[in-house]
C-alpha cells in the first residue's frame, strides 16, 4: 500500500480551512461571512465533507518522525492515522 505525506491529505486541508475560516471570522467580528452562512459551513458542510473524505480514504499518512526515518534510510513503520 502506498503511503503519503500528511500535507497531501485532503482531510487535513479541509480541517485547516475550517479552522482558518472560523478563526478569521471570529477575529474579524464575522465581517467576512454572514453569521448564518458560517454556522451552516461549520456545523453541516465541513462535517459532511470530512465524512465523505474518510470514506474515500485509501492511503495512510506518515507522521513527521516516520518521514524522517524513511528519508534517512529507516525501514517502513506502521502508519498511525489514515487519509
C-alpha atoms as a PDB file:
ATOM      1  CA  UNK A   1       0.000   0.000   0.000  1.00  0.00           C
ATOM      2  CA  UNK A   2       1.271   3.412  -0.957  1.00  0.00           C
ATOM      3  CA  UNK A   3       1.822   5.854   1.907  1.00  0.00           C
ATOM      4  CA  UNK A   4       1.643   9.623   1.524  1.00  0.00           C
ATOM      5  CA  UNK A   5       2.889  12.617   3.471  1.00  0.00           C
ATOM      6  CA  UNK A   6       0.471  14.369   5.821  1.00  0.00           C
ATOM      7  CA  UNK A   7       0.480  17.524   3.701  1.00  0.00           C
ATOM      8  CA  UNK A   8      -1.071  15.590   0.795  1.00  0.00           C
ATOM      9  CA  UNK A   9      -4.119  14.698   2.897  1.00  0.00           C
ATOM     10  CA  UNK A  10      -7.370  16.309   1.695  1.00  0.00           C
ATOM     11  CA  UNK A  11      -8.950  15.646   5.095  1.00  0.00           C
ATOM     12  CA  UNK A  12      -6.238  17.599   6.890  1.00  0.00           C
ATOM     13  CA  UNK A  13      -6.508  20.543   4.459  1.00  0.00           C
ATOM     14  CA  UNK A  14     -10.317  20.665   4.764  1.00  0.00           C
ATOM     15  CA  UNK A  15      -9.917  20.833   8.545  1.00  0.00           C
ATOM     16  CA  UNK A  16      -7.238  23.533   8.258  1.00  0.00           C
ATOM     17  CA  UNK A  17      -9.617  25.529   6.041  1.00  0.00           C
ATOM     18  CA  UNK A  18     -12.448  25.137   8.583  1.00  0.00           C
ATOM     19  CA  UNK A  19     -10.138  26.235  11.394  1.00  0.00           C
ATOM     20  CA  UNK A  20      -8.897  29.276   9.466  1.00  0.00           C
ATOM     21  CA  UNK A  21     -12.397  30.280   8.412  1.00  0.00           C
ATOM     22  CA  UNK A  22     -13.691  30.081  11.970  1.00  0.00           C
ATOM     23  CA  UNK A  23     -10.660  31.877  13.434  1.00  0.00           C
ATOM     24  CA  UNK A  24     -10.567  34.686  10.873  1.00  0.00           C
ATOM     25  CA  UNK A  25     -14.316  35.227  11.155  1.00  0.00           C
ATOM     26  CA  UNK A  26     -14.075  35.331  14.951  1.00  0.00           C
ATOM     27  CA  UNK A  27     -11.170  37.789  14.879  1.00  0.00           C
ATOM     28  CA  UNK A  28     -12.845  39.998  12.271  1.00  0.00           C
ATOM     29  CA  UNK A  29     -16.184  40.033  14.100  1.00  0.00           C
ATOM     30  CA  UNK A  30     -17.994  37.917  11.461  1.00  0.00           C
ATOM     31  CA  UNK A  31     -17.493  40.542   8.748  1.00  0.00           C
ATOM     32  CA  UNK A  32     -16.182  38.035   6.210  1.00  0.00           C
ATOM     33  CA  UNK A  33     -19.286  35.837   6.018  1.00  0.00           C
ATOM     34  CA  UNK A  34     -22.807  36.324   7.295  1.00  0.00           C
ATOM     35  CA  UNK A  35     -23.344  34.512  10.589  1.00  0.00           C
ATOM     36  CA  UNK A  36     -25.891  32.039   9.168  1.00  0.00           C
ATOM     37  CA  UNK A  37     -23.512  31.040   6.345  1.00  0.00           C
ATOM     38  CA  UNK A  38     -20.619  30.487   8.753  1.00  0.00           C
ATOM     39  CA  UNK A  39     -22.817  28.384  11.045  1.00  0.00           C
ATOM     40  CA  UNK A  40     -24.002  26.276   8.104  1.00  0.00           C
ATOM     41  CA  UNK A  41     -20.447  25.738   6.872  1.00  0.00           C
ATOM     42  CA  UNK A  42     -19.033  24.801  10.256  1.00  0.00           C
ATOM     43  CA  UNK A  43     -21.942  22.722  11.514  1.00  0.00           C
ATOM     44  CA  UNK A  44     -23.091  20.953   8.330  1.00  0.00           C
ATOM     45  CA  UNK A  45     -20.847  21.340   5.301  1.00  0.00           C
ATOM     46  CA  UNK A  46     -17.427  20.673   6.837  1.00  0.00           C
ATOM     47  CA  UNK A  47     -18.568  17.612   8.849  1.00  0.00           C
ATOM     48  CA  UNK A  48     -20.245  16.121   5.747  1.00  0.00           C
ATOM     49  CA  UNK A  49     -17.102  16.750   3.682  1.00  0.00           C
ATOM     50  CA  UNK A  50     -14.977  15.165   6.431  1.00  0.00           C
ATOM     51  CA  UNK A  51     -17.172  12.060   6.496  1.00  0.00           C
ATOM     52  CA  UNK A  52     -17.080  11.784   2.697  1.00  0.00           C
ATOM     53  CA  UNK A  53     -13.290  12.120   2.657  1.00  0.00           C
ATOM     54  CA  UNK A  54     -12.949   9.407   5.299  1.00  0.00           C
ATOM     55  CA  UNK A  55     -14.919   7.019   3.063  1.00  0.00           C
ATOM     56  CA  UNK A  56     -12.748   7.947   0.078  1.00  0.00           C
ATOM     57  CA  UNK A  57      -9.526   7.435   2.027  1.00  0.00           C
ATOM     58  CA  UNK A  58      -7.323   4.722   0.624  1.00  0.00           C
ATOM     59  CA  UNK A  59      -3.786   5.702   1.632  1.00  0.00           C
ATOM     60  CA  UNK A  60      -2.368   6.015   5.140  1.00  0.00           C
ATOM     61  CA  UNK A  61      -0.307   9.080   6.003  1.00  0.00           C
ATOM     62  CA  UNK A  62       3.063   9.216   7.702  1.00  0.00           C
ATOM     63  CA  UNK A  63       3.834  11.194  10.789  1.00  0.00           C
ATOM     64  CA  UNK A  64       6.816  13.539  10.591  1.00  0.00           C
ATOM     65  CA  UNK A  65       9.064  11.170  12.604  1.00  0.00           C
ATOM     66  CA  UNK A  66       8.290   8.323  10.212  1.00  0.00           C
ATOM     67  CA  UNK A  67       9.053  10.533   7.184  1.00  0.00           C
ATOM     68  CA  UNK A  68      12.389  11.472   8.711  1.00  0.00           C
ATOM     69  CA  UNK A  69      13.218   7.834   9.463  1.00  0.00           C
ATOM     70  CA  UNK A  70      12.384   6.823   5.894  1.00  0.00           C
ATOM     71  CA  UNK A  71      14.392   9.657   4.387  1.00  0.00           C
ATOM     72  CA  UNK A  72      17.363   8.547   6.491  1.00  0.00           C
ATOM     73  CA  UNK A  73      17.018   5.002   5.192  1.00  0.00           C
ATOM     74  CA  UNK A  74      14.981   3.535   8.049  1.00  0.00           C
ATOM     75  CA  UNK A  75      12.527   0.758   7.440  1.00  0.00           C
ATOM     76  CA  UNK A  76       8.789   1.067   6.986  1.00  0.00           C
ATOM     77  CA  UNK A  77       6.786   1.654  10.155  1.00  0.00           C
ATOM     78  CA  UNK A  78       3.078   1.042  10.537  1.00  0.00           C
ATOM     79  CA  UNK A  79       1.143   4.289   9.968  1.00  0.00           C
ATOM     80  CA  UNK A  80      -0.937   5.549  12.861  1.00  0.00           C
ATOM     81  CA  UNK A  81      -3.618   7.551  11.036  1.00  0.00           C
ATOM     82  CA  UNK A  82      -5.177   7.276   7.615  1.00  0.00           C
ATOM     83  CA  UNK A  83      -6.275   9.730   4.985  1.00  0.00           C
END
